[in-house]
C-alpha atoms as a PDB file:
ATOM      1  CA  MET A   1     -99.982  55.029   8.786  1.00  0.00           C
ATOM      2  CA  PRO A   2     -98.887  55.894   5.221  1.00  0.00           C
ATOM      3  CA  LEU A   3     -96.496  53.523   3.517  1.00  0.00           C
ATOM      4  CA  LYS A   4     -92.973  54.578   2.584  1.00  0.00           C
ATOM      5  CA  LYS A   5     -92.158  55.214  -1.049  1.00  0.00           C
ATOM      6  CA  GLY A   6     -90.866  52.074  -2.745  1.00  0.00           C
ATOM      7  CA  THR A   7     -92.560  49.661  -0.372  1.00  0.00           C
ATOM      8  CA  ILE A   8     -95.159  48.727  -2.992  1.00  0.00           C
ATOM      9  CA  TYR A   9     -93.729  47.104  -6.097  1.00  0.00           C
ATOM     10  CA  LYS A  10     -94.471  44.481  -8.714  1.00  0.00           C
ATOM     11  CA  TYR A  11     -92.577  42.557 -11.318  1.00  0.00           C
ATOM     12  CA  LYS A  12     -93.406  43.038 -14.985  1.00  0.00           C
ATOM     13  CA  THR A  13     -94.443  39.401 -15.479  1.00  0.00           C
ATOM     14  CA  GLY A  14     -95.920  38.873 -12.002  1.00  0.00           C
ATOM     15  CA  LYS A  15     -99.452  38.120 -10.839  1.00  0.00           C
ATOM     16  CA  TYR A  16     -99.091  39.945  -7.525  1.00  0.00           C
ATOM     17  CA  VAL A  17     -98.450  43.402  -6.093  1.00  0.00           C
ATOM     18  CA  ARG A  18     -95.921  43.161  -3.277  1.00  0.00           C
ATOM     19  CA  GLU A  19     -95.794  45.177  -0.074  1.00  0.00           C
ATOM     20  CA  LYS A  20     -92.296  45.021   1.382  1.00  0.00           C
ATOM     21  CA  LEU A  21     -92.088  43.846   4.998  1.00  0.00           C
ATOM     22  CA  GLY A  22     -88.405  42.941   5.404  1.00  0.00           C
ATOM     23  CA  SER A  23     -85.076  42.571   3.637  1.00  0.00           C
ATOM     24  CA  LYS A  24     -84.013  39.534   1.611  1.00  0.00           C
ATOM     25  CA  ARG A  25     -80.616  39.470   3.321  1.00  0.00           C
ATOM     26  CA  GLY A  26     -79.446  36.041   4.485  1.00  0.00           C
ATOM     27  CA  CYS A  27     -82.086  34.009   2.651  1.00  0.00           C
ATOM     28  CA  ILE A  28     -81.396  30.417   1.660  1.00  0.00           C
ATOM     29  CA  ALA A  29     -84.832  29.587   0.230  1.00  0.00           C
ATOM     30  CA  TYR A  30     -88.330  31.045  -0.077  1.00  0.00           C
ATOM     31  CA  ARG A  31     -91.858  29.777   0.609  1.00  0.00           C
ATOM     32  CA  VAL A  32     -95.282  31.269  -0.151  1.00  0.00           C
ATOM     33  CA  ILE A  33     -98.014  30.781   2.469  1.00  0.00           C
ATOM     34  CA  PRO A  34    -101.686  31.763   1.978  1.00  0.00           C
ATOM     35  CA  VAL A  35    -103.148  34.105   4.609  1.00  0.00           C
ATOM     36  CA  PRO A  36    -106.127  32.457   6.367  1.00  0.00           C
ATOM     37  CA  ASN A  37    -109.548  34.104   5.861  1.00  0.00           C
ATOM     38  CA  LYS A  38    -108.083  36.621   3.359  1.00  0.00           C
ATOM     39  CA  PRO A  39    -108.670  35.548  -0.266  1.00  0.00           C
ATOM     40  CA  GLY A  40    -106.125  36.859  -2.763  1.00  0.00           C
ATOM     41  CA  ARG A  41    -103.385  37.409  -0.139  1.00  0.00           C
ATOM     42  CA  LYS A  42    -100.217  35.429   0.484  1.00  0.00           C
ATOM     43  CA  VAL A  43     -97.054  35.980   2.520  1.00  0.00           C
ATOM     44  CA  LEU A  44     -93.588  35.420   1.066  1.00  0.00           C
ATOM     45  CA  ILE A  45     -91.456  33.745   3.747  1.00  0.00           C
ATOM     46  CA  CYS A  46     -87.650  33.650   3.734  1.00  0.00           C
ATOM     47  CA  ILE A  47     -85.848  30.658   5.277  1.00  0.00           C
ATOM     48  CA  THR A  48     -82.618  31.858   6.894  1.00  0.00           C
ATOM     49  CA  ARG A  49     -81.424  28.623   8.536  1.00  0.00           C
ATOM     50  CA  LYS A  50     -82.460  25.064   7.733  1.00  0.00           C
ATOM     51  CA  LYS A  51     -82.122  23.691  11.292  1.00  0.00           C
ATOM     52  CA  GLY A  52     -84.825  24.026  13.898  1.00  0.00           C
ATOM     53  CA  PRO A  53     -88.535  23.434  14.389  1.00  0.00           C
ATOM     54  CA  ARG A  54     -90.985  24.015  11.501  1.00  0.00           C
ATOM     55  CA  GLY A  55     -88.263  23.623   8.892  1.00  0.00           C
ATOM     56  CA  GLY A  56     -85.860  26.276  10.169  1.00  0.00           C
ATOM     57  CA  ARG A  57     -85.708  29.975  11.006  1.00  0.00           C
ATOM     58  CA  THR A  58     -88.022  32.136   8.928  1.00  0.00           C
ATOM     59  CA  LYS A  59     -88.951  35.787   8.433  1.00  0.00           C
ATOM     60  CA  ALA A  60     -91.655  37.529   6.411  1.00  0.00           C
ATOM     61  CA  ILE A  61     -90.343  39.313   3.322  1.00  0.00           C
ATOM     62  CA  SER A  62     -93.436  40.659   1.589  1.00  0.00           C
ATOM     63  CA  LEU A  63     -97.216  40.541   1.465  1.00  0.00           C
ATOM     64  CA  LEU A  64     -98.476  39.447  -1.955  1.00  0.00           C
ATOM     65  CA  ARG A  65    -101.823  40.846  -3.150  1.00  0.00           C
ATOM     66  CA  SER A  66    -103.557  39.384  -6.190  1.00  0.00           C
ATOM     67  CA  LEU A  67    -104.223  41.698  -9.130  1.00  0.00           C
ATOM     68  CA  LYS A  68    -107.757  40.254  -9.274  1.00  0.00           C
ATOM     69  CA  THR A  69    -108.841  41.955  -6.022  1.00  0.00           C
ATOM     70  CA  ALA A  70    -109.968  45.589  -5.758  1.00  0.00           C
ATOM     71  CA  LYS A  71    -107.141  46.654  -3.442  1.00  0.00           C
ATOM     72  CA  GLY A  72    -104.584  44.836  -5.591  1.00  0.00           C
ATOM     73  CA  LYS A  73    -105.737  46.743  -8.683  1.00  0.00           C
ATOM     74  CA  ARG A  74    -105.620  50.049  -6.797  1.00  0.00           C
ATOM     75  CA  LEU A  75    -102.098  49.435  -5.476  1.00  0.00           C
ATOM     76  CA  ALA A  76    -100.889  48.256  -8.903  1.00  0.00           C
ATOM     77  CA  LYS A  77    -101.453  51.758 -10.294  1.00  0.00           C
ATOM     78  CA  ARG A  78     -98.913  53.324  -7.927  1.00  0.00           C
ATOM     79  CA  ALA A  79     -96.555  50.339  -7.653  1.00  0.00           C
ATOM     80  CA  LYS A  80     -92.975  50.599  -8.823  1.00  0.00           C
ATOM     81  CA  ILE A  81     -92.267  48.119 -11.626  1.00  0.00           C
ATOM     82  CA  LYS A  82     -89.124  46.049 -11.099  1.00  0.00           C
ATOM     83  CA  THR A  83     -87.227  43.922 -13.575  1.00  0.00           C
ATOM     84  CA  VAL A  84     -85.454  40.694 -12.729  1.00  0.00           C
ATOM     85  CA  LYS A  85     -81.686  41.056 -12.820  1.00  0.00           C
ATOM     86  CA  ARG A  86     -79.857  38.196 -14.491  1.00  0.00           C
ATOM     87  CA  LYS A  87     -76.973  36.641 -12.598  1.00  0.00           C
ATOM     88  CA  ARG A  88     -73.642  36.336 -14.324  1.00  0.00           C
ATOM     89  CA  ARG A  89     -71.845  33.025 -14.217  1.00  0.00           C
END
């Protein structure tokens, strides 16, 4: 299944190419978990509520691929480059 346009992105200063899995809506905090048996891959997890088993309710936000792997390098060529927006006080 081909990926939608804009689902692959990276930040200018980042070490990973990101494949979007879900929205960041309702997130309190984030956690990065390595994928077992897959070197160079991690999952960005969003914590939506702090109460509950395993540290609260979570959802997967994006799949992080290292730029050191072959697939990461290939996806980096077509990835959209994002910049971090600064929050006003």
